[in-house]
Amino acid sequence: MGVVKRSVSIDDAVAARVEAAASEDGMSFSAWLSAAAEHQLLVRAGLRGVQEWEAEVGALTDDEVSAGEALLTQLLGEGAP
């Protein structure tokens, strides 16, 4: 896997929180940001997938959303959305 260097501006408070989280996780600042960006890209792709699916078959019902949320809680623990 290649690495691309970028210069980015980050809010001071966010940078401090990233530094602390990276340290806690035993990662560099850059590695932590890269992992966070990858996570966000996966979430974004998932949301787009749901939008595409809903465009084809209709919106999820309240029961389907509730069932999905219950499954997430079961799989991820109580910290799930």
PDB file of N, CA and C in Angstrom:
ATOM      1  N   MET A   1       0.846  -1.174   0.000  1.00  0.00           N
ATOM      2  CA  MET A   1       0.000   0.000   0.000  1.00  0.00           C
ATOM      3  C   MET A   1       0.888   1.233   0.000  1.00  0.00           C
ATOM      4  N   GLY A   2       0.636   2.137  -0.916  1.00  0.00           N
ATOM      5  CA  GLY A   2       1.400   3.371  -0.994  1.00  0.00           C
ATOM      6  C   GLY A   2       0.893   4.405  -0.007  1.00  0.00           C
ATOM      7  N   VAL A   3       1.694   5.409   0.203  1.00  0.00           N
ATOM      8  CA  VAL A   3       1.338   6.500   1.101  1.00  0.00           C
ATOM      9  C   VAL A   3       1.475   7.808   0.338  1.00  0.00           C
ATOM     10  N   VAL A   4       0.491   8.682   0.501  1.00  0.00           N
ATOM     11  CA  VAL A   4       0.514  10.000  -0.096  1.00  0.00           C
ATOM     12  C   VAL A   4       0.568  11.016   1.030  1.00  0.00           C
ATOM     13  N   LYS A   5       1.514  11.918   0.965  1.00  0.00           N
ATOM     14  CA  LYS A   5       1.606  12.975   1.983  1.00  0.00           C
ATOM     15  C   LYS A   5       0.711  14.129   1.571  1.00  0.00           C
ATOM     16  N   ARG A   6      -0.065  14.633   2.527  1.00  0.00           N
ATOM     17  CA  ARG A   6      -0.945  15.776   2.319  1.00  0.00           C
ATOM     18  C   ARG A   6      -0.735  16.751   3.478  1.00  0.00           C
ATOM     19  N   SER A   7      -0.960  17.987   3.205  1.00  0.00           N
ATOM     20  CA  SER A   7      -0.948  18.999   4.252  1.00  0.00           C
ATOM     21  C   SER A   7      -2.398  19.383   4.495  1.00  0.00           C
ATOM     22  N   VAL A   8      -2.860  19.195   5.726  1.00  0.00           N
ATOM     23  CA  VAL A   8      -4.254  19.498   6.047  1.00  0.00           C
ATOM     24  C   VAL A   8      -4.310  20.421   7.257  1.00  0.00           C
ATOM     25  N   SER A   9      -5.381  21.166   7.356  1.00  0.00           N
ATOM     26  CA  SER A   9      -5.623  22.017   8.518  1.00  0.00           C
ATOM     27  C   SER A   9      -6.713  21.373   9.360  1.00  0.00           C
ATOM     28  N   ILE A  10      -6.465  21.293  10.656  1.00  0.00           N
ATOM     29  CA  ILE A  10      -7.400  20.664  11.582  1.00  0.00           C
ATOM     30  C   ILE A  10      -7.590  21.604  12.768  1.00  0.00           C
ATOM     31  N   ASP A  11      -8.817  21.757  13.183  1.00  0.00           N
ATOM     32  CA  ASP A  11      -9.129  22.553  14.359  1.00  0.00           C
ATOM     33  C   ASP A  11      -8.254  22.100  15.538  1.00  0.00           C
ATOM     34  N   ASP A  12      -7.760  23.052  16.322  1.00  0.00           N
ATOM     35  CA  ASP A  12      -6.877  22.741  17.456  1.00  0.00           C
ATOM     36  C   ASP A  12      -7.475  21.696  18.397  1.00  0.00           C
ATOM     37  N   ALA A  13      -8.749  21.881  18.747  1.00  0.00           N
ATOM     38  CA  ALA A  13      -9.384  20.963  19.692  1.00  0.00           C
ATOM     39  C   ALA A  13      -9.501  19.556  19.101  1.00  0.00           C
ATOM     40  N   VAL A  14      -9.815  19.479  17.812  1.00  0.00           N
ATOM     41  CA  VAL A  14      -9.920  18.174  17.151  1.00  0.00           C
ATOM     42  C   VAL A  14      -8.549  17.515  17.101  1.00  0.00           C
ATOM     43  N   ALA A  15      -7.522  18.284  16.761  1.00  0.00           N
ATOM     44  CA  ALA A  15      -6.173  17.738  16.688  1.00  0.00           C
ATOM     45  C   ALA A  15      -5.731  17.180  18.039  1.00  0.00           C
ATOM     46  N   ALA A  16      -6.067  17.875  19.116  1.00  0.00           N
ATOM     47  CA  ALA A  16      -5.710  17.401  20.452  1.00  0.00           C
ATOM     48  C   ALA A  16      -6.419  16.090  20.767  1.00  0.00           C
ATOM     49  N   ARG A  17      -7.686  15.991  20.384  1.00  0.00           N
ATOM     50  CA  ARG A  17      -8.438  14.758  20.634  1.00  0.00           C
ATOM     51  C   ARG A  17      -7.913  13.607  19.783  1.00  0.00           C
ATOM     52  N   VAL A  18      -7.532  13.901  18.529  1.00  0.00           N
ATOM     53  CA  VAL A  18      -6.953  12.876  17.664  1.00  0.00           C
ATOM     54  C   VAL A  18      -5.625  12.401  18.244  1.00  0.00           C
ATOM     55  N   GLU A  19      -4.795  13.330  18.679  1.00  0.00           N
ATOM     56  CA  GLU A  19      -3.493  12.977  19.263  1.00  0.00           C
ATOM     57  C   GLU A  19      -3.688  12.048  20.457  1.00  0.00           C
ATOM     58  N   ALA A  20      -4.643  12.379  21.321  1.00  0.00           N
ATOM     59  CA  ALA A  20      -4.909  11.542  22.498  1.00  0.00           C
ATOM     60  C   ALA A  20      -5.424  10.163  22.083  1.00  0.00           C
ATOM     61  N   ALA A  21      -6.347  10.133  21.137  1.00  0.00           N
ATOM     62  CA  ALA A  21      -6.903   8.851  20.687  1.00  0.00           C
ATOM     63  C   ALA A  21      -5.838   8.004  20.013  1.00  0.00           C
ATOM     64  N   ALA A  22      -5.010   8.621  19.199  1.00  0.00           N
ATOM     65  CA  ALA A  22      -3.942   7.893  18.517  1.00  0.00           C
ATOM     66  C   ALA A  22      -2.972   7.295  19.530  1.00  0.00           C
ATOM     67  N   SER A  23      -2.624   8.078  20.524  1.00  0.00           N
ATOM     68  CA  SER A  23      -1.730   7.599  21.573  1.00  0.00           C
ATOM     69  C   SER A  23      -2.351   6.424  22.325  1.00  0.00           C
ATOM     70  N   GLU A  24      -3.636   6.572  22.677  1.00  0.00           N
ATOM     71  CA  GLU A  24      -4.371   5.498  23.361  1.00  0.00           C
ATOM     72  C   GLU A  24      -4.383   4.212  22.544  1.00  0.00           C
ATOM     73  N   ASP A  25      -4.513   4.371  21.224  1.00  0.00           N
ATOM     74  CA  ASP A  25      -4.605   3.215  20.329  1.00  0.00           C
ATOM     75  C   ASP A  25      -3.249   2.717  19.850  1.00  0.00           C
ATOM     76  N   GLY A  26      -2.172   3.373  20.291  1.00  0.00           N
ATOM     77  CA  GLY A  26      -0.834   2.950  19.897  1.00  0.00           C
ATOM     78  C   GLY A  26      -0.540   3.196  18.422  1.00  0.00           C
ATOM     79  N   MET A  27      -1.093   4.281  17.895  1.00  0.00           N
ATOM     80  CA  MET A  27      -0.933   4.608  16.477  1.00  0.00           C
ATOM     81  C   MET A  27      -0.338   5.999  16.341  1.00  0.00           C
ATOM     82  N   SER A  28       0.205   6.261  15.173  1.00  0.00           N
ATOM     83  CA  SER A  28       0.634   7.623  14.873  1.00  0.00           C
ATOM     84  C   SER A  28      -0.600   8.473  14.578  1.00  0.00           C
ATOM     85  N   PHE A  29      -0.411   9.772  14.641  1.00  0.00           N
ATOM     86  CA  PHE A  29      -1.468  10.718  14.306  1.00  0.00           C
ATOM     87  C   PHE A  29      -1.977  10.446  12.889  1.00  0.00           C
ATOM     88  N   SER A  30      -1.051  10.292  11.949  1.00  0.00           N
ATOM     89  CA  SER A  30      -1.416  10.058  10.550  1.00  0.00           C
ATOM     90  C   SER A  30      -2.158   8.742  10.364  1.00  0.00           C
ATOM     91  N   ALA A  31      -1.685   7.681  11.031  1.00  0.00           N
ATOM     92  CA  ALA A  31      -2.343   6.377  10.903  1.00  0.00           C
ATOM     93  C   ALA A  31      -3.758   6.432  11.468  1.00  0.00           C
ATOM     94  N   TRP A  32      -3.935   7.149  12.583  1.00  0.00           N
ATOM     95  CA  TRP A  32      -5.257   7.265  13.184  1.00  0.00           C
ATOM     96  C   TRP A  32      -6.199   8.015  12.261  1.00  0.00           C
ATOM     97  N   LEU A  33      -5.712   9.132  11.687  1.00  0.00           N
ATOM     98  CA  LEU A  33      -6.542   9.898  10.751  1.00  0.00           C
ATOM     99  C   LEU A  33      -6.886   9.065   9.520  1.00  0.00           C
ATOM    100  N   SER A  34      -5.930   8.286   9.038  1.00  0.00           N
ATOM    101  CA  SER A  34      -6.178   7.438   7.873  1.00  0.00           C
ATOM    102  C   SER A  34      -7.255   6.400   8.183  1.00  0.00           C
ATOM    103  N   ALA A  35      -7.160   5.778   9.363  1.00  0.00           N
ATOM    104  CA  ALA A  35      -8.166   4.786   9.760  1.00  0.00           C
ATOM    105  C   ALA A  35      -9.540   5.435   9.921  1.00  0.00           C
ATOM    106  N   ALA A  36      -9.578   6.633  10.493  1.00  0.00           N
ATOM    107  CA  ALA A  36     -10.848   7.346  10.665  1.00  0.00           C
ATOM    108  C   ALA A  36     -11.450   7.706   9.310  1.00  0.00           C
ATOM    109  N   ALA A  37     -10.606   8.130   8.384  1.00  0.00           N
ATOM    110  CA  ALA A  37     -11.093   8.471   7.045  1.00  0.00           C
ATOM    111  C   ALA A  37     -11.622   7.222   6.341  1.00  0.00           C
ATOM    112  N   GLU A  38     -10.920   6.112   6.468  1.00  0.00           N
ATOM    113  CA  GLU A  38     -11.376   4.862   5.851  1.00  0.00           C
ATOM    114  C   GLU A  38     -12.724   4.441   6.427  1.00  0.00           C
ATOM    115  N   HIS A  39     -12.865   4.566   7.739  1.00  0.00           N
ATOM    116  CA  HIS A  39     -14.140   4.237   8.394  1.00  0.00           C
ATOM    117  C   HIS A  39     -15.261   5.111   7.846  1.00  0.00           C
ATOM    118  N   GLN A  40     -15.013   6.403   7.738  1.00  0.00           N
ATOM    119  CA  GLN A  40     -16.028   7.329   7.235  1.00  0.00           C
ATOM    120  C   GLN A  40     -16.400   6.998   5.792  1.00  0.00           C
ATOM    121  N   LEU A  41     -15.417   6.613   4.979  1.00  0.00           N
ATOM    122  CA  LEU A  41     -15.699   6.233   3.595  1.00  0.00           C
ATOM    123  C   LEU A  41     -16.579   4.985   3.526  1.00  0.00           C
ATOM    124  N   LEU A  42     -16.333   4.026   4.425  1.00  0.00           N
ATOM    125  CA  LEU A  42     -17.178   2.818   4.468  1.00  0.00           C
ATOM    126  C   LEU A  42     -18.605   3.162   4.880  1.00  0.00           C
ATOM    127  N   VAL A  43     -18.753   4.026   5.885  1.00  0.00           N
ATOM    128  CA  VAL A  43     -20.089   4.467   6.316  1.00  0.00           C
ATOM    129  C   VAL A  43     -20.800   5.162   5.160  1.00  0.00           C
ATOM    130  N   ARG A  44     -20.077   6.036   4.488  1.00  0.00           N
ATOM    131  CA  ARG A  44     -20.654   6.777   3.362  1.00  0.00           C
ATOM    132  C   ARG A  44     -21.110   5.830   2.257  1.00  0.00           C
ATOM    133  N   ALA A  45     -20.284   4.840   1.942  1.00  0.00           N
ATOM    134  CA  ALA A  45     -20.649   3.862   0.909  1.00  0.00           C
ATOM    135  C   ALA A  45     -21.883   3.067   1.336  1.00  0.00           C
ATOM    136  N   GLY A  46     -21.958   2.717   2.611  1.00  0.00           N
ATOM    137  CA  GLY A  46     -23.122   1.987   3.111  1.00  0.00           C
ATOM    138  C   GLY A  46     -24.393   2.803   3.019  1.00  0.00           C
ATOM    139  N   LEU A  47     -24.305   4.071   3.390  1.00  0.00           N
ATOM    140  CA  LEU A  47     -25.477   4.946   3.301  1.00  0.00           C
ATOM    141  C   LEU A  47     -25.927   5.122   1.856  1.00  0.00           C
ATOM    142  N   ARG A  48     -24.966   5.256   0.963  1.00  0.00           N
ATOM    143  CA  ARG A  48     -25.324   5.363  -0.456  1.00  0.00           C
ATOM    144  C   ARG A  48     -25.972   4.075  -0.953  1.00  0.00           C
ATOM    145  N   GLY A  49     -25.477   2.945  -0.479  1.00  0.00           N
ATOM    146  CA  GLY A  49     -26.070   1.663  -0.860  1.00  0.00           C
ATOM    147  C   GLY A  49     -27.520   1.563  -0.416  1.00  0.00           C
ATOM    148  N   VAL A  50     -27.795   2.021   0.798  1.00  0.00           N
ATOM    149  CA  VAL A  50     -29.175   2.015   1.296  1.00  0.00           C
ATOM    150  C   VAL A  50     -30.036   2.952   0.457  1.00  0.00           C
ATOM    151  N   GLN A  51     -29.518   4.129   0.129  1.00  0.00           N
ATOM    152  CA  GLN A  51     -30.272   5.075  -0.706  1.00  0.00           C
ATOM    153  C   GLN A  51     -30.601   4.463  -2.066  1.00  0.00           C
ATOM    154  N   GLU A  52     -29.630   3.793  -2.667  1.00  0.00           N
ATOM    155  CA  GLU A  52     -29.861   3.159  -3.967  1.00  0.00           C
ATOM    156  C   GLU A  52     -30.903   2.048  -3.849  1.00  0.00           C
ATOM    157  N   TRP A  53     -30.791   1.249  -2.791  1.00  0.00           N
ATOM    158  CA  TRP A  53     -31.739   0.160  -2.581  1.00  0.00           C
ATOM    159  C   TRP A  53     -33.147   0.723  -2.388  1.00  0.00           C
ATOM    160  N   GLU A  54     -33.248   1.786  -1.549  1.00  0.00           N
ATOM    161  CA  GLU A  54     -34.554   2.399  -1.301  1.00  0.00           C
ATOM    162  C   GLU A  54     -35.127   3.004  -2.586  1.00  0.00           C
ATOM    163  N   ALA A  55     -34.284   3.534  -3.446  1.00  0.00           N
ATOM    164  CA  ALA A  55     -34.756   4.101  -4.713  1.00  0.00           C
ATOM    165  C   ALA A  55     -35.370   3.012  -5.596  1.00  0.00           C
ATOM    166  N   GLU A  56     -34.868   1.792  -5.471  1.00  0.00           N
ATOM    167  CA  GLU A  56     -35.372   0.689  -6.285  1.00  0.00           C
ATOM    168  C   GLU A  56     -36.620   0.040  -5.697  1.00  0.00           C
ATOM    169  N   VAL A  57     -36.636  -0.149  -4.362  1.00  0.00           N
ATOM    170  CA  VAL A  57     -37.717  -0.935  -3.763  1.00  0.00           C
ATOM    171  C   VAL A  57     -38.579  -0.172  -2.767  1.00  0.00           C
ATOM    172  N   GLY A  58     -38.233   1.069  -2.507  1.00  0.00           N
ATOM    173  CA  GLY A  58     -39.002   1.859  -1.550  1.00  0.00           C
ATOM    174  C   GLY A  58     -38.273   2.012  -0.228  1.00  0.00           C
ATOM    175  N   ALA A  59     -38.697   3.012   0.508  1.00  0.00           N
ATOM    176  CA  ALA A  59     -38.056   3.330   1.787  1.00  0.00           C
ATOM    177  C   ALA A  59     -38.240   2.203   2.797  1.00  0.00           C
ATOM    178  N   LEU A  60     -37.256   2.072   3.675  1.00  0.00           N
ATOM    179  CA  LEU A  60     -37.368   1.118   4.776  1.00  0.00           C
ATOM    180  C   LEU A  60     -38.537   1.527   5.667  1.00  0.00           C
ATOM    181  N   THR A  61     -39.252   0.539   6.146  1.00  0.00           N
ATOM    182  CA  THR A  61     -40.345   0.822   7.074  1.00  0.00           C
ATOM    183  C   THR A  61     -39.773   1.086   8.464  1.00  0.00           C
ATOM    184  N   ASP A  62     -40.601   1.640   9.339  1.00  0.00           N
ATOM    185  CA  ASP A  62     -40.166   1.862  10.725  1.00  0.00           C
ATOM    186  C   ASP A  62     -39.773   0.547  11.381  1.00  0.00           C
ATOM    187  N   ASP A  63     -40.510  -0.527  11.100  1.00  0.00           N
ATOM    188  CA  ASP A  63     -40.190  -1.841  11.662  1.00  0.00           C
ATOM    189  C   ASP A  63     -38.839  -2.352  11.167  1.00  0.00           C
ATOM    190  N   GLU A  64     -38.534  -2.125   9.882  1.00  0.00           N
ATOM    191  CA  GLU A  64     -37.258  -2.554   9.321  1.00  0.00           C
ATOM    192  C   GLU A  64     -36.105  -1.757   9.937  1.00  0.00           C
ATOM    193  N   VAL A  65     -36.297  -0.465  10.117  1.00  0.00           N
ATOM    194  CA  VAL A  65     -35.272   0.367  10.745  1.00  0.00           C
ATOM    195  C   VAL A  65     -35.045  -0.093  12.184  1.00  0.00           C
ATOM    196  N   SER A  66     -36.123  -0.344  12.918  1.00  0.00           N
ATOM    197  CA  SER A  66     -36.012  -0.805  14.303  1.00  0.00           C
ATOM    198  C   SER A  66     -35.298  -2.144  14.382  1.00  0.00           C
ATOM    199  N   ALA A  67     -35.617  -3.050  13.469  1.00  0.00           N
ATOM    200  CA  ALA A  67     -34.962  -4.356  13.449  1.00  0.00           C
ATOM    201  C   ALA A  67     -33.471  -4.210  13.157  1.00  0.00           C
ATOM    202  N   GLY A  68     -33.119  -3.319  12.247  1.00  0.00           N
ATOM    203  CA  GLY A  68     -31.714  -3.063  11.935  1.00  0.00           C
ATOM    204  C   GLY A  68     -30.969  -2.483  13.119  1.00  0.00           C
ATOM    205  N   GLU A  69     -31.594  -1.542  13.805  1.00  0.00           N
ATOM    206  CA  GLU A  69     -30.969  -0.944  14.984  1.00  0.00           C
ATOM    207  C   GLU A  69     -30.787  -1.972  16.093  1.00  0.00           C
ATOM    208  N   ALA A  70     -31.761  -2.849  16.273  1.00  0.00           N
ATOM    209  CA  ALA A  70     -31.655  -3.904  17.280  1.00  0.00           C
ATOM    210  C   ALA A  70     -30.515  -4.857  16.939  1.00  0.00           C
ATOM    211  N   LEU A  71     -30.387  -5.191  15.669  1.00  0.00           N
ATOM    212  CA  LEU A  71     -29.302  -6.079  15.245  1.00  0.00           C
ATOM    213  C   LEU A  71     -27.947  -5.415  15.477  1.00  0.00           C
ATOM    214  N   LEU A  72     -27.824  -4.126  15.156  1.00  0.00           N
ATOM    215  CA  LEU A  72     -26.577  -3.410  15.416  1.00  0.00           C
ATOM    216  C   LEU A  72     -26.228  -3.422  16.898  1.00  0.00           C
ATOM    217  N   THR A  73     -27.199  -3.164  17.740  1.00  0.00           N
ATOM    218  CA  THR A  73     -26.966  -3.180  19.182  1.00  0.00           C
ATOM    219  C   THR A  73     -26.495  -4.556  19.614  1.00  0.00           C
ATOM    220  N   GLN A  74     -27.107  -5.604  19.096  1.00  0.00           N
ATOM    221  CA  GLN A  74     -26.732  -6.974  19.439  1.00  0.00           C
ATOM    222  C   GLN A  74     -25.304  -7.269  18.969  1.00  0.00           C
ATOM    223  N   LEU A  75     -24.960  -6.865  17.765  1.00  0.00           N
ATOM    224  CA  LEU A  75     -23.655  -7.173  17.197  1.00  0.00           C
ATOM    225  C   LEU A  75     -22.530  -6.309  17.767  1.00  0.00           C
ATOM    226  N   LEU A  76     -22.835  -5.036  18.014  1.00  0.00           N
ATOM    227  CA  LEU A  76     -21.801  -4.097  18.436  1.00  0.00           C
ATOM    228  C   LEU A  76     -21.822  -3.776  19.924  1.00  0.00           C
ATOM    229  N   GLY A  77     -22.854  -4.178  20.610  1.00  0.00           N
ATOM    230  CA  GLY A  77     -22.965  -3.864  22.029  1.00  0.00           C
ATOM    231  C   GLY A  77     -23.812  -2.640  22.250  1.00  0.00           C
ATOM    232  N   GLU A  78     -23.936  -2.263  23.463  1.00  0.00           N
ATOM    233  CA  GLU A  78     -24.828  -1.171  23.843  1.00  0.00           C
ATOM    234  C   GLU A  78     -24.386   0.179  23.297  1.00  0.00           C
ATOM    235  N   GLY A  79     -23.135   0.332  22.863  1.00  0.00           N
ATOM    236  CA  GLY A  79     -22.667   1.610  22.336  1.00  0.00           C
ATOM    237  C   GLY A  79     -23.116   1.880  20.927  1.00  0.00           C
ATOM    238  N   ALA A  80     -23.846   0.932  20.334  1.00  0.00           N
ATOM    239  CA  ALA A  80     -24.298   1.104  18.937  1.00  0.00           C
ATOM    240  C   ALA A  80     -25.376   2.172  18.876  1.00  0.00           C
ATOM    241  N   PRO A  81     -25.481   2.841  17.705  1.00  0.00           N
ATOM    242  CA  PRO A  81     -26.511   3.884  17.551  1.00  0.00           C
ATOM    243  C   PRO A  81     -27.920   3.339  17.651  1.00  0.00           C
TER     244      PRO A  81
END
